[in-house]
Amino acid sequence: MKVSTLSEYLDRLERTQSRNEMSQILAEVIREAEKGEASVLMYLLMGRVRPLFDPVEFGVADKQVMKAMVRASGVTEEALGAQYRVLGDLGLVWFAVAKSAGGEKMEVIFLYESLSQIAAESGGGSQERKLMLIEELLGKLTANEGKYVIRILLGKLRLGFSDKTLIDALSISEVGDKGIADKLEYAYQVRPDIGFLVQKVKEVGWKRACEGVGVALGTPMMVMLAARLKTAGEMVKKMGSVAVEPKFDGTRIQIHFQRRGDWKVKTYTRNLEENTYSFPELTKLGDVVDADSLVLDAEAVGVDTKTGKLVPFQMTMTRKRKHDVAEQAGKVPMVFYVFDVMYKDGVSLIDKSYEERRKILTKAVKKNDWLRVDEYKLVTKAEEITKLHQLQIDKGLEGVIVKKIDSQYVPGRTGWRWVKMKEAEGSTGKLSDTIDAVIMGFYSGKGKRAGFGIGKFLVGVRRGEQIVTLTKIGTGLSDEQFKQLKNALDKLVATKADESYVIDKTLVPDVWVEPKLVVEVAADEITISPTYSAGVSLRFPRLVKFRDDKSVQQATTIDEVKQMI
C-alpha cells in the first residue's frame, strides 16, 4: 500500500465520529493490505511502530520536530511558531506550509522502516541524527502525508478508535459483520498484539488464527479480572464451590521467566507496560522455581523492614520511578505473592481448571521468603466466605478474592469466575467497594487550592467505548497529592473534550485532559442523577489512591457501578 492511500484512509477516519463507520473504513484497510504489510499498517494506525506492550518510543518533542520542519520546509522557526500558536497542532502547521513538498509514491513498508530507524537512534548525537532522519523523511512526503507522520512522531495520532474497533474491523473484513469479533477478541486478549493477529488472519484465515491460541513467553497477556457481587450468598449461588484467597493491597504484575535465552525475567503491569526494572529481586527467580520457563500472575507488596508488616499501596508504588529503584529496593523490599500460573515449560495452561493450575503452581515454586504461593481455602458455604473475609480485614488486608474452582484462566472480566469482596460486608455509611474512575478534566481551585491550580476534578466511568461523567472529587487528597495530581494532569491537558466523553454542559471543567489517568474512588452511596451522564452520581466521593497500574480500559464500567446500588 502507498502512503498516499493510507493518508486518504486517515482523512476519512478523521472526518467521522461514528464507531460503526470507523469499523467499516478500517475493514477496507485490512482487506486492501498485502499479507506482508498487514501488521505494519495496524501499528501505524495506532500511531506506533510496535505493539502496545513494547516500550518503543520516538523520543522527540515538539521543539525538535519543529526544527526538522524548519530544515525541510525552509520556513523560519518564528513563522512556524506563529502558525502553531494559532493551530495548536504541528501536523496542521506542516500541512499549511509544505503544500508543494514531497510527491514521491512512498510505500507503507518504507515509511515504517524510516520511523523504526528514528525510534532506534540512541546514545551520543542521537538527537541530531533523529532530526536529520525526520527532515529527510518529510522531504519525501506530501503535505497531507507529513501531517500524519508528524502526529505519529509526537504520539498525537488520535483518531478516536481503540484496538477493540480494529478487532470489529477485522471481523467485518473476514465475514462481513461483527459476528466473529468475540472470538478474535479472545485471541487478542491472550496475545495482545493487533499487528500479529491481523497478520495471522491474513495468512491462515480467522478460524486457524483463533484455534489453540495460547500464552506466548515474553508477550504479556491480558490478565484475568475480578467481577463484583454484593454478598457471599450471591457468590455461592452463582459460583458453587469456590476457593477463597486473600486480597493484597499491592501492585499486580505478570512475571515471565526463562532459564535460557537472551533475557531471564520480564515483568508487566496489568495494562501491559513492561516494568522489569522495578523488581531487581526477580533476577534470582531461577533459584526458587522448579521450571525452565514460567508465566506467573502475582501481587508485589512492599515490606516494612522494621516491623515486617506489609506497607500501603503508595509505598509499594515508589518503585515506579526508574532513577531510584535501587535505593527504594533497599528501603522497601518486596514480597511477591503468586496466585496463578498461565504457562510452564512450553505449555500454555490457561485452559486448565483453577485446581489444576494451583497444583502445578505449588510444585513449581520452592519454599522461600520472598516469592510465596499465597494461601487459599476451598469452601462451599456463604458464612465461610464471610468469616475468611473478616479474618483478612482484621489482618489489615483489603479482603478476599473468591474464585470458581473449575474455572479456566479467562482474560478480562467475564462471568462469575473471580469475584472480589472488599471492606466489611454489610457495612453502613459507605459503598462496599471502590470505583476505578477516569479523570476527564479539572476545575480551578479557590483559597489555598488556588495555589495548586486545581480545586476539584471530574471523573467518569466506561460505557462501551464512551466515558460518562460520574462525580466531581475534591476531598481525600493531601496538599502534596494535589500538587502531584496537578503535575500529572498538566502533561495530559487537551484543547477540547475527548471524543469518548459524554458530558452535560453544566459540568464542563475549566481544563480538559486526555483520558489516561485512573483513580480509585470511595463514596458513601450511589444516587440517581439527571446531571451526570452515567445517570447516577456519588455521595461524599473521595480519592483513595492513584491507580498508575491501571489503564482506562480497566476502569469500572457503568454496569458495574449499577450493580453496587
Protein backbone atom coordinates (compact mmCIF):
# COMPACT_ATOMS: atom_id res chain seq x y z
CA MET A 1 0.00 0.00 0.00
CA LYS A 2 1.17 3.51 -0.81
CA VAL A 3 1.48 6.09 1.98
CA SER A 4 -0.80 8.31 -0.09
CA THR A 5 -3.53 5.65 0.11
CA LEU A 6 -3.03 5.30 3.86
CA SER A 7 -3.30 9.08 4.32
CA GLU A 8 -6.59 9.07 2.38
CA TYR A 9 -7.95 6.44 4.78
CA LEU A 10 -6.72 8.55 7.71
CA ASP A 11 -8.56 11.56 6.27
CA ARG A 12 -11.78 9.55 6.20
CA LEU A 13 -11.27 8.32 9.77
CA GLU A 14 -10.59 11.86 10.98
CA ARG A 15 -13.83 13.14 9.43
CA THR A 16 -16.14 10.71 11.21
CA GLN A 17 -17.09 10.20 14.85
CA SER A 18 -19.20 7.12 14.15
CA ARG A 19 -17.69 3.92 15.58
CA ASN A 20 -19.53 1.83 13.01
CA GLU A 21 -18.25 3.93 10.13
CA MET A 22 -14.71 3.76 11.54
CA SER A 23 -15.01 -0.02 11.69
CA GLN A 24 -16.10 -0.12 8.04
CA ILE A 25 -13.22 2.12 6.93
CA LEU A 26 -10.68 0.08 8.90
CA ALA A 27 -12.11 -3.11 7.39
CA GLU A 28 -11.35 -1.65 3.96
CA VAL A 29 -7.75 -1.00 5.05
CA ILE A 30 -7.38 -4.60 6.24
CA ARG A 31 -8.85 -6.01 3.03
CA GLU A 32 -6.54 -3.89 0.87
CA ALA A 33 -3.42 -4.68 2.91
CA GLU A 34 -0.96 -7.17 1.45
CA LYS A 35 -0.01 -10.09 3.70
CA GLY A 36 3.50 -8.75 4.30
CA GLU A 37 2.34 -5.30 5.39
CA ALA A 38 -0.76 -6.03 7.47
CA SER A 39 0.98 -5.89 10.86
CA VAL A 40 2.85 -2.69 9.90
CA LEU A 41 -0.40 -0.96 8.92
CA MET A 42 -2.04 -1.85 12.22
CA TYR A 43 0.83 -0.38 14.22
CA LEU A 44 0.82 2.81 12.14
CA LEU A 45 -2.95 3.18 12.55
CA MET A 46 -2.36 3.08 16.33
CA GLY A 47 0.40 5.70 15.96
CA ARG A 48 3.21 3.27 16.82
CA VAL A 49 5.87 1.02 15.31
CA ARG A 50 5.46 -1.82 17.81
CA PRO A 51 2.59 -3.37 19.82
CA LEU A 52 1.38 -1.56 22.92
CA PHE A 53 3.39 -3.72 25.34
CA ASP A 54 6.69 -2.98 23.56
CA PRO A 55 8.07 0.28 25.04
CA VAL A 56 9.46 1.69 21.80
CA GLU A 57 9.16 5.48 21.68
CA PHE A 58 10.36 8.03 19.14
CA GLY A 59 11.98 10.20 21.80
CA VAL A 60 11.26 13.55 20.15
CA ALA A 61 9.34 16.56 21.44
CA ASP A 62 7.52 19.44 19.72
CA LYS A 63 10.63 21.68 19.60
CA GLN A 64 12.78 19.02 17.97
CA VAL A 65 10.16 18.19 15.34
CA MET A 66 9.73 21.91 14.64
CA LYS A 67 13.48 22.19 13.98
CA ALA A 68 13.23 19.36 11.44
CA MET A 69 10.24 21.13 9.85
CA VAL A 70 12.27 24.34 9.54
CA ARG A 71 15.05 22.47 7.76
CA ALA A 72 12.68 20.54 5.47
CA SER A 73 10.43 23.47 4.53
CA GLY A 74 12.71 26.49 4.57
CA VAL A 75 10.11 28.37 6.64
CA THR A 76 11.55 30.21 9.64
CA GLU A 77 11.06 28.90 13.15
CA GLU A 78 9.29 32.17 14.05
CA ALA A 79 6.76 31.68 11.26
CA LEU A 80 6.14 28.08 12.23
CA GLY A 81 5.79 29.09 15.88
CA ALA A 82 3.18 31.70 14.96
CA GLN A 83 1.21 29.11 13.00
CA TYR A 84 1.50 26.65 15.89
CA ARG A 85 0.09 29.17 18.36
CA VAL A 86 -2.97 29.53 16.13
CA LEU A 87 -3.48 25.89 15.10
CA GLY A 88 -2.16 24.05 18.18
CA ASP A 89 -1.12 21.07 16.01
CA LEU A 90 2.26 20.73 14.29
CA GLY A 91 0.68 18.33 11.81
CA LEU A 92 -1.68 21.08 10.64
CA VAL A 93 1.21 23.55 10.60
CA TRP A 94 3.11 21.28 8.21
CA PHE A 95 0.03 20.90 6.04
CA ALA A 96 -0.21 24.70 5.83
CA VAL A 97 3.43 25.44 5.00
CA ALA A 98 4.52 22.43 2.90
CA LYS A 99 1.84 22.11 0.25
CA SER A 100 4.38 21.76 -2.54
CA ALA A 101 6.66 19.35 -0.67
CA GLY A 102 7.20 15.72 -1.46
CA GLY A 103 5.21 13.89 -4.05
CA GLU A 104 7.05 10.55 -4.06
CA LYS A 105 4.86 7.46 -4.11
CA MET A 106 6.31 6.03 -0.92
CA GLU A 107 5.36 2.52 0.19
CA VAL A 108 3.99 2.00 3.71
CA ILE A 109 6.78 -0.51 4.43
CA PHE A 110 9.41 2.15 3.70
CA LEU A 111 7.64 4.64 5.96
CA TYR A 112 7.51 2.06 8.74
CA GLU A 113 11.23 1.29 8.37
CA SER A 114 12.06 5.01 8.44
CA LEU A 115 10.03 5.57 11.62
CA SER A 116 11.58 2.48 13.21
CA GLN A 117 15.04 3.85 12.45
CA ILE A 118 14.16 7.16 14.12
CA ALA A 119 12.92 5.32 17.22
CA ALA A 120 16.03 3.12 17.33
CA GLU A 121 18.54 6.01 17.40
CA SER A 122 20.15 6.33 20.83
CA GLY A 123 23.37 7.39 22.53
CA GLY A 124 25.63 10.33 21.83
CA GLY A 125 24.47 12.55 18.98
CA SER A 126 21.21 10.64 18.61
CA GLN A 127 19.02 13.75 18.73
CA GLU A 128 20.81 15.31 15.76
CA ARG A 129 20.58 12.03 13.85
CA LYS A 130 16.84 11.87 14.60
CA LEU A 131 16.42 15.43 13.29
CA MET A 132 18.25 14.56 10.08
CA LEU A 133 16.11 11.45 9.55
CA ILE A 134 12.88 13.38 10.18
CA GLU A 135 13.99 16.16 7.82
CA GLU A 136 14.80 13.58 5.12
CA LEU A 137 11.50 11.76 5.61
CA LEU A 138 9.38 14.94 5.46
CA GLY A 139 11.10 15.89 2.24
CA LYS A 140 9.75 12.71 0.63
CA LEU A 141 6.14 13.17 1.75
CA THR A 142 3.25 15.30 0.55
CA ALA A 143 1.86 17.88 2.94
CA ASN A 144 -1.05 15.63 3.90
CA GLU A 145 1.15 12.56 4.42
CA GLY A 146 3.57 14.60 6.51
CA LYS A 147 0.71 15.87 8.67
CA TYR A 148 0.01 12.34 9.91
CA VAL A 149 3.67 11.34 10.20
CA ILE A 150 4.34 14.35 12.46
CA ARG A 151 1.40 13.35 14.66
CA ILE A 152 2.73 9.79 14.86
CA LEU A 153 6.18 11.04 15.86
CA LEU A 154 4.67 13.18 18.64
CA GLY A 155 2.26 10.49 19.86
CA LYS A 156 -0.72 12.60 18.79
CA LEU A 157 -2.40 10.48 16.10
CA ARG A 158 -5.72 10.48 17.92
CA LEU A 159 -8.37 9.19 15.56
CA GLY A 160 -10.93 8.21 18.20
CA PHE A 161 -10.79 4.43 17.89
CA SER A 162 -9.25 1.68 20.01
CA ASP A 163 -7.89 -1.81 19.48
CA LYS A 164 -11.47 -3.02 20.04
CA THR A 165 -12.55 -1.07 16.93
CA LEU A 166 -9.75 -2.74 14.96
CA ILE A 167 -10.98 -6.15 16.13
CA ASP A 168 -14.50 -5.30 14.95
CA ALA A 169 -12.99 -4.19 11.63
CA LEU A 170 -11.09 -7.45 11.32
CA SER A 171 -14.32 -9.37 11.84
CA ILE A 172 -16.08 -7.27 9.18
CA SER A 173 -13.21 -7.80 6.75
CA GLU A 174 -13.48 -11.57 7.18
CA VAL A 175 -17.23 -12.30 7.41
CA GLY A 176 -18.96 -9.01 6.59
CA ASP A 177 -20.14 -8.19 10.13
CA LYS A 178 -19.04 -8.34 13.79
CA GLY A 179 -20.12 -11.97 14.13
CA ILE A 180 -16.66 -13.33 15.00
CA ALA A 181 -15.47 -10.30 16.99
CA ASP A 182 -15.76 -12.17 20.31
CA LYS A 183 -13.53 -14.99 19.06
CA LEU A 184 -10.99 -12.54 17.67
CA GLU A 185 -11.06 -10.50 20.88
CA TYR A 186 -10.30 -13.58 22.97
CA ALA A 187 -7.32 -14.38 20.73
CA TYR A 188 -6.17 -10.77 21.10
CA GLN A 189 -6.52 -10.84 24.89
CA VAL A 190 -4.33 -13.92 25.11
CA ARG A 191 -1.77 -12.35 22.79
CA PRO A 192 -2.48 -8.58 22.73
CA ASP A 193 -0.64 -7.71 19.55
CA ILE A 194 -3.11 -6.38 16.98
CA GLY A 195 -0.46 -6.46 14.26
CA PHE A 196 0.30 -10.14 14.92
CA LEU A 197 -3.41 -11.06 14.96
CA VAL A 198 -4.31 -9.28 11.71
CA GLN A 199 -1.19 -10.67 10.01
CA LYS A 200 -2.07 -14.19 11.17
CA VAL A 201 -5.67 -13.89 9.98
CA LYS A 202 -4.48 -12.62 6.59
CA GLU A 203 -2.13 -15.59 6.29
CA VAL A 204 -4.23 -18.54 7.52
CA GLY A 205 -7.80 -17.27 7.95
CA TRP A 206 -9.63 -16.39 11.15
CA LYS A 207 -10.51 -19.93 12.23
CA ARG A 208 -6.95 -21.23 12.22
CA ALA A 209 -5.67 -17.98 13.72
CA CYS A 210 -8.02 -18.37 16.69
CA GLU A 211 -7.66 -22.13 17.14
CA GLY A 212 -5.45 -23.22 20.00
CA VAL A 213 -4.32 -19.70 20.84
CA GLY A 214 -2.16 -19.84 23.93
CA VAL A 215 0.22 -17.84 26.09
CA ALA A 216 3.49 -16.80 24.42
CA LEU A 217 6.59 -16.43 26.58
CA GLY A 218 7.81 -12.85 26.54
CA THR A 219 4.46 -11.48 25.34
CA PRO A 220 2.14 -10.33 28.15
CA MET A 221 -1.46 -11.48 28.08
CA MET A 222 -4.47 -9.56 29.37
CA VAL A 223 -4.87 -10.63 32.99
CA MET A 224 -8.00 -12.17 34.47
CA LEU A 225 -10.01 -9.63 36.46
CA ALA A 226 -12.46 -9.98 39.32
CA ALA A 227 -16.12 -9.04 38.95
CA ARG A 228 -18.30 -7.71 41.76
CA LEU A 229 -21.10 -9.32 43.76
CA LYS A 230 -22.69 -7.76 46.82
CA THR A 231 -22.87 -10.72 49.19
CA ALA A 232 -21.24 -14.03 49.93
CA GLY A 233 -24.64 -15.66 49.44
CA GLU A 234 -24.76 -14.44 45.82
CA MET A 235 -21.24 -15.79 45.28
CA VAL A 236 -22.13 -19.31 46.38
CA LYS A 237 -25.37 -19.22 44.40
CA LYS A 238 -23.66 -18.17 41.16
CA MET A 239 -20.30 -19.91 41.57
CA GLY A 240 -20.86 -23.06 43.62
CA SER A 241 -17.67 -24.47 45.17
CA VAL A 242 -15.07 -21.74 45.41
CA ALA A 243 -11.54 -21.01 46.54
CA VAL A 244 -11.03 -18.02 48.84
CA GLU A 245 -7.73 -16.13 48.65
CA PRO A 246 -6.51 -13.02 50.50
CA LYS A 247 -6.62 -9.73 48.57
CA PHE A 248 -3.37 -7.83 48.97
CA ASP A 249 -3.00 -4.06 48.61
CA GLY A 250 -0.07 -4.24 46.21
CA THR A 251 0.61 -3.91 42.51
CA ARG A 252 -0.42 -6.64 40.09
CA ILE A 253 2.42 -7.98 37.97
CA GLN A 254 2.78 -10.68 35.35
CA ILE A 255 6.15 -12.46 35.57
CA HIS A 256 7.75 -14.14 32.54
CA PHE A 257 10.78 -16.35 33.23
CA GLN A 258 13.08 -18.46 31.08
CA ARG A 259 16.19 -20.20 32.30
CA ARG A 260 17.91 -19.96 28.90
CA GLY A 261 17.68 -17.20 26.32
CA ASP A 262 18.63 -13.58 25.67
CA TRP A 263 16.62 -12.50 28.73
CA LYS A 264 15.83 -14.22 32.02
CA VAL A 265 12.93 -12.29 33.56
CA LYS A 266 10.40 -9.78 32.25
CA THR A 267 7.54 -8.28 34.22
CA TYR A 268 4.46 -6.41 33.04
CA THR A 269 1.78 -4.30 34.68
CA ARG A 270 -1.88 -5.16 34.33
CA ASN A 271 -2.08 -2.67 31.45
CA LEU A 272 0.79 -4.42 29.63
CA GLU A 273 3.61 -1.96 30.33
CA GLU A 274 6.97 -3.62 30.91
CA ASN A 275 8.33 -2.75 34.37
CA THR A 276 11.13 -5.30 34.80
CA TYR A 277 13.44 -2.57 36.09
CA SER A 278 11.19 -2.11 39.14
CA PHE A 279 11.90 -5.54 40.60
CA PRO A 280 15.63 -6.33 40.80
CA GLU A 281 14.78 -9.09 43.30
CA LEU A 282 13.45 -11.21 40.44
CA THR A 283 16.93 -11.66 38.92
CA LYS A 284 17.20 -14.50 41.48
CA LEU A 285 13.97 -16.15 40.33
CA GLY A 286 15.76 -19.17 38.85
CA ASP A 287 16.94 -20.13 42.34
CA VAL A 288 13.43 -20.53 43.74
CA VAL A 289 11.47 -22.15 40.91
CA ASP A 290 11.49 -25.69 39.60
CA ALA A 291 10.89 -24.95 35.92
CA ASP A 292 12.73 -23.91 32.78
CA SER A 293 10.07 -21.34 31.84
CA LEU A 294 7.06 -19.83 33.56
CA VAL A 295 4.42 -17.14 33.31
CA LEU A 296 3.08 -16.23 36.75
CA ASP A 297 0.32 -13.94 37.99
CA ALA A 298 1.31 -12.21 41.22
CA GLU A 299 0.87 -9.27 43.56
CA ALA A 300 4.02 -7.39 44.55
CA VAL A 301 3.75 -5.91 48.04
CA GLY A 302 6.32 -3.82 49.89
CA VAL A 303 7.51 -4.82 53.36
CA ASP A 304 8.42 -2.52 56.26
CA THR A 305 11.98 -3.53 57.18
CA LYS A 306 11.47 -2.54 60.83
CA THR A 307 8.14 -4.22 61.58
CA GLY A 308 8.00 -6.89 58.89
CA LYS A 309 4.46 -5.78 58.02
CA LEU A 310 3.15 -5.15 54.51
CA VAL A 311 3.16 -1.48 53.53
CA PRO A 312 0.34 0.54 51.86
CA PHE A 313 -0.07 0.64 48.09
CA GLN A 314 1.53 4.10 47.73
CA MET A 315 4.74 2.83 49.35
CA THR A 316 4.85 -0.15 47.02
CA MET A 317 4.36 2.13 44.00
CA THR A 318 7.54 4.12 44.78
CA ARG A 319 9.24 1.50 42.60
CA LYS A 320 7.60 3.11 39.56
CA ARG A 321 10.36 5.69 39.20
CA LYS A 322 13.34 4.23 37.30
CA HIS A 323 16.01 6.54 38.67
CA ASP A 324 15.75 5.47 42.30
CA VAL A 325 14.68 1.81 42.12
CA ALA A 326 17.91 0.56 43.74
CA GLU A 327 17.51 2.99 46.63
CA GLN A 328 13.83 2.13 47.08
CA ALA A 329 14.58 -1.61 46.90
CA GLY A 330 16.78 -1.17 49.94
CA LYS A 331 14.18 0.87 51.80
CA VAL A 332 11.10 -1.13 50.78
CA PRO A 333 11.92 -4.74 49.85
CA MET A 334 9.24 -6.71 48.03
CA VAL A 335 7.38 -9.92 48.66
CA PHE A 336 5.74 -11.48 45.61
CA TYR A 337 2.52 -13.35 46.35
CA VAL A 338 1.95 -15.68 43.39
CA PHE A 339 -1.63 -16.85 42.89
CA ASP A 340 -1.72 -18.32 39.38
CA VAL A 341 0.37 -19.88 36.63
CA MET A 342 -0.55 -19.49 32.94
CA TYR A 343 2.44 -21.16 31.28
CA LYS A 344 5.09 -23.69 32.24
CA ASP A 345 7.90 -25.30 30.25
CA GLY A 346 6.47 -24.60 26.81
CA VAL A 347 2.84 -25.41 27.65
CA SER A 348 0.01 -22.86 27.90
CA LEU A 349 -2.09 -23.64 30.99
CA ILE A 350 -4.98 -21.21 30.65
CA ASP A 351 -7.40 -23.93 29.50
CA LYS A 352 -6.82 -25.93 32.69
CA SER A 353 -9.04 -25.51 35.74
CA TYR A 354 -8.17 -23.38 38.76
CA GLU A 355 -7.45 -26.50 40.83
CA GLU A 356 -5.17 -27.97 38.18
CA ARG A 357 -3.23 -24.74 37.80
CA ARG A 358 -2.88 -24.46 41.57
CA LYS A 359 -1.33 -27.91 41.80
CA ILE A 360 1.16 -27.05 39.06
CA LEU A 361 1.95 -23.72 40.75
CA THR A 362 2.59 -25.32 44.16
CA LYS A 363 5.09 -27.75 42.64
CA ALA A 364 6.79 -25.06 40.53
CA VAL A 365 7.69 -22.65 43.37
CA LYS A 366 10.13 -23.78 46.04
CA LYS A 367 9.64 -22.62 49.62
CA ASN A 368 11.38 -19.28 50.19
CA ASP A 369 10.84 -15.94 51.91
CA TRP A 370 10.18 -13.57 49.01
CA LEU A 371 8.32 -15.49 46.26
CA ARG A 372 5.35 -17.05 48.00
CA VAL A 373 2.41 -19.02 46.71
CA ASP A 374 -0.50 -17.36 48.52
CA GLU A 375 -2.80 -19.41 50.71
CA TYR A 376 -6.30 -20.41 49.68
CA LYS A 377 -9.16 -22.38 51.13
CA LEU A 378 -11.88 -24.35 49.34
CA VAL A 379 -15.36 -23.58 50.68
CA THR A 380 -19.00 -24.22 49.77
CA LYS A 381 -20.89 -22.06 52.30
CA ALA A 382 -21.52 -18.31 52.34
CA GLU A 383 -20.76 -17.99 56.05
CA GLU A 384 -17.31 -19.49 55.47
CA ILE A 385 -16.56 -16.81 52.86
CA THR A 386 -17.73 -14.06 55.22
CA LYS A 387 -15.63 -15.44 58.06
CA LEU A 388 -12.48 -15.66 55.92
CA HIS A 389 -13.15 -12.18 54.54
CA GLN A 390 -13.33 -10.68 58.02
CA LEU A 391 -10.19 -12.55 59.01
CA GLN A 392 -8.23 -10.85 56.20
CA ILE A 393 -9.72 -7.44 57.06
CA ASP A 394 -8.56 -7.94 60.66
CA LYS A 395 -5.06 -8.70 59.36
CA GLY A 396 -5.01 -5.33 57.60
CA LEU A 397 -5.58 -6.69 54.09
CA GLU A 398 -8.24 -5.50 51.63
CA GLY A 399 -10.47 -8.55 51.94
CA VAL A 400 -10.68 -11.66 49.78
CA ILE A 401 -10.89 -12.82 46.18
CA VAL A 402 -13.36 -15.64 45.57
CA LYS A 403 -12.61 -17.96 42.64
CA LYS A 404 -14.61 -20.68 40.91
CA ILE A 405 -12.56 -23.85 41.31
CA ASP A 406 -13.36 -25.32 37.87
CA SER A 407 -12.73 -22.04 36.01
CA GLN A 408 -10.19 -21.68 33.24
CA TYR A 409 -7.93 -18.62 33.18
CA VAL A 410 -10.00 -16.23 31.07
CA PRO A 411 -8.54 -12.79 30.26
CA GLY A 412 -10.59 -9.75 31.23
CA ARG A 413 -13.64 -9.52 33.44
CA THR A 414 -16.14 -12.08 32.18
CA GLY A 415 -18.76 -14.05 34.10
CA TRP A 416 -18.65 -15.06 37.73
CA ARG A 417 -15.26 -16.79 37.68
CA TRP A 418 -13.42 -14.43 40.03
CA VAL A 419 -15.22 -12.07 42.40
CA LYS A 420 -13.74 -9.64 44.86
CA MET A 421 -15.05 -8.71 48.29
CA LYS A 422 -13.62 -5.56 49.86
CA GLU A 423 -14.46 -3.67 53.03
CA ALA A 424 -16.77 -5.13 55.64
CA GLU A 425 -19.74 -6.91 54.09
CA GLY A 426 -22.99 -5.24 55.06
CA SER A 427 -21.26 -2.12 56.37
CA THR A 428 -23.28 1.09 56.50
CA GLY A 429 -22.27 4.62 55.61
CA LYS A 430 -20.13 3.64 52.63
CA LEU A 431 -20.11 1.56 49.49
CA SER A 432 -18.87 -1.99 49.92
CA ASP A 433 -16.42 -1.49 47.05
CA THR A 434 -14.43 1.27 45.42
CA ILE A 435 -14.69 2.54 41.85
CA ASP A 436 -11.82 2.93 39.40
CA ALA A 437 -12.66 6.14 37.53
CA VAL A 438 -11.08 8.11 34.68
CA ILE A 439 -10.15 11.78 35.18
CA MET A 440 -11.75 13.85 32.40
CA GLY A 441 -10.81 17.39 33.46
CA PHE A 442 -10.38 19.69 36.44
CA TYR A 443 -11.63 22.96 37.93
CA SER A 444 -9.51 25.86 39.18
CA GLY A 445 -9.02 25.99 42.92
CA LYS A 446 -10.15 28.64 45.39
CA GLY A 447 -8.45 29.82 48.55
CA LYS A 448 -5.42 27.68 49.39
CA ARG A 449 -6.14 25.43 46.43
CA ALA A 450 -5.78 28.35 44.04
CA GLY A 451 -2.05 27.93 44.61
CA PHE A 452 -2.29 24.32 43.42
CA GLY A 453 -4.15 25.33 40.26
CA ILE A 454 -6.78 22.68 40.93
CA GLY A 455 -9.71 22.52 43.34
CA LYS A 456 -11.81 19.61 42.09
CA PHE A 457 -11.57 17.14 39.26
CA LEU A 458 -14.25 15.45 37.15
CA VAL A 459 -14.25 11.68 36.79
CA GLY A 460 -16.19 9.21 34.69
CA VAL A 461 -16.64 5.50 34.09
CA ARG A 462 -16.80 3.44 30.93
CA ARG A 463 -19.94 2.79 28.87
CA GLY A 464 -18.73 0.77 25.91
CA GLU A 465 -16.11 2.98 24.28
CA GLN A 466 -17.61 6.13 25.84
CA ILE A 467 -16.69 7.71 29.17
CA VAL A 468 -19.70 9.03 31.07
CA THR A 469 -19.49 11.52 33.92
CA LEU A 470 -19.97 10.21 37.46
CA THR A 471 -18.86 12.80 40.02
CA LYS A 472 -16.56 15.67 40.99
CA ILE A 473 -13.91 14.99 43.63
CA GLY A 474 -12.17 17.48 45.88
CA THR A 475 -11.57 15.52 49.09
CA GLY A 476 -9.29 12.72 50.17
CA LEU A 477 -6.13 14.44 48.91
CA SER A 478 -3.29 15.89 50.94
CA ASP A 479 -1.61 19.10 49.79
CA GLU A 480 1.21 17.03 48.36
CA GLN A 481 -1.25 14.83 46.45
CA PHE A 482 -2.95 17.89 44.97
CA LYS A 483 0.44 19.06 43.68
CA GLN A 484 1.25 15.58 42.38
CA LEU A 485 -2.11 15.36 40.62
CA LYS A 486 -1.74 18.81 39.02
CA ASN A 487 1.73 17.89 37.70
CA ALA A 488 0.37 14.66 36.21
CA LEU A 489 -2.67 16.36 34.65
CA ASP A 490 -0.59 19.20 33.15
CA LYS A 491 1.02 16.58 30.88
CA LEU A 492 -2.41 15.49 29.65
CA VAL A 493 -4.04 18.89 29.01
CA ALA A 494 -6.21 18.94 25.87
CA THR A 495 -7.75 21.84 23.95
CA LYS A 496 -11.17 20.16 23.82
CA ALA A 497 -13.11 17.23 25.26
CA ASP A 498 -12.03 13.79 24.09
CA GLU A 499 -14.44 12.29 21.56
CA SER A 500 -15.26 9.50 24.01
CA TYR A 501 -16.60 11.93 26.65
CA VAL A 502 -20.34 12.27 27.21
CA ILE A 503 -20.94 15.34 29.37
CA ASP A 504 -23.64 17.85 30.28
CA LYS A 505 -22.72 21.48 29.57
CA THR A 506 -23.20 22.36 33.25
CA LEU A 507 -20.25 20.13 34.18
CA VAL A 508 -17.70 21.37 31.63
CA PRO A 509 -14.38 21.70 33.51
CA ASP A 510 -12.01 24.64 33.32
CA VAL A 511 -9.36 22.38 31.80
CA TRP A 512 -9.87 19.22 29.73
CA VAL A 513 -7.41 16.34 29.96
CA GLU A 514 -6.83 13.24 27.85
CA PRO A 515 -8.44 10.06 29.26
CA LYS A 516 -5.30 8.40 30.59
CA LEU A 517 -5.26 8.74 34.38
CA VAL A 518 -7.24 6.32 36.57
CA VAL A 519 -8.00 6.93 40.26
CA GLU A 520 -9.63 4.73 42.87
CA VAL A 521 -12.64 6.44 44.46
CA ALA A 522 -14.68 5.66 47.57
CA ALA A 523 -18.10 7.10 48.47
CA ASP A 524 -20.94 6.74 50.93
CA GLU A 525 -23.62 5.83 48.43
CA ILE A 526 -24.76 5.96 44.82
CA THR A 527 -27.60 8.35 43.99
CA ILE A 528 -29.75 8.89 40.89
CA SER A 529 -28.63 11.99 38.97
CA PRO A 530 -30.04 13.58 35.78
CA THR A 531 -26.98 15.85 35.51
CA TYR A 532 -24.27 13.24 35.27
CA SER A 533 -24.33 11.24 32.03
CA ALA A 534 -23.85 8.00 33.95
CA GLY A 535 -27.40 8.55 35.23
CA VAL A 536 -26.07 8.21 38.76
CA SER A 537 -23.58 10.03 40.95
CA LEU A 538 -21.66 9.50 44.18
CA ARG A 539 -22.49 10.94 47.60
CA PHE A 540 -19.43 12.17 49.51
CA PRO A 541 -16.86 10.92 46.96
CA ARG A 542 -13.20 10.89 47.99
CA LEU A 543 -9.91 9.83 46.47
CA VAL A 544 -8.47 6.57 47.79
CA LYS A 545 -5.36 6.40 45.64
CA PHE A 546 -3.91 6.96 42.18
CA ARG A 547 -4.04 3.81 40.04
CA ASP A 548 -1.00 4.21 37.82
CA ASP A 549 -1.07 0.44 37.35
CA LYS A 550 -4.43 0.53 35.56
CA SER A 551 -5.32 1.59 32.03
CA VAL A 552 -8.52 3.33 31.02
CA GLN A 553 -9.72 0.04 29.53
CA GLN A 554 -9.57 -1.43 33.04
CA ALA A 555 -11.62 1.31 34.65
CA THR A 556 -15.01 0.47 36.17
CA THR A 557 -17.98 0.23 33.80
CA ILE A 558 -21.37 1.85 34.36
CA ASP A 559 -22.92 -1.64 34.61
CA GLU A 560 -20.55 -2.47 37.47
CA VAL A 561 -21.46 0.78 39.23
CA LYS A 562 -25.17 -0.01 38.95
CA GLN A 563 -24.57 -3.46 40.45
CA MET A 564 -23.46 -1.69 43.64
CA ILE A 565 -26.80 0.08 44.07
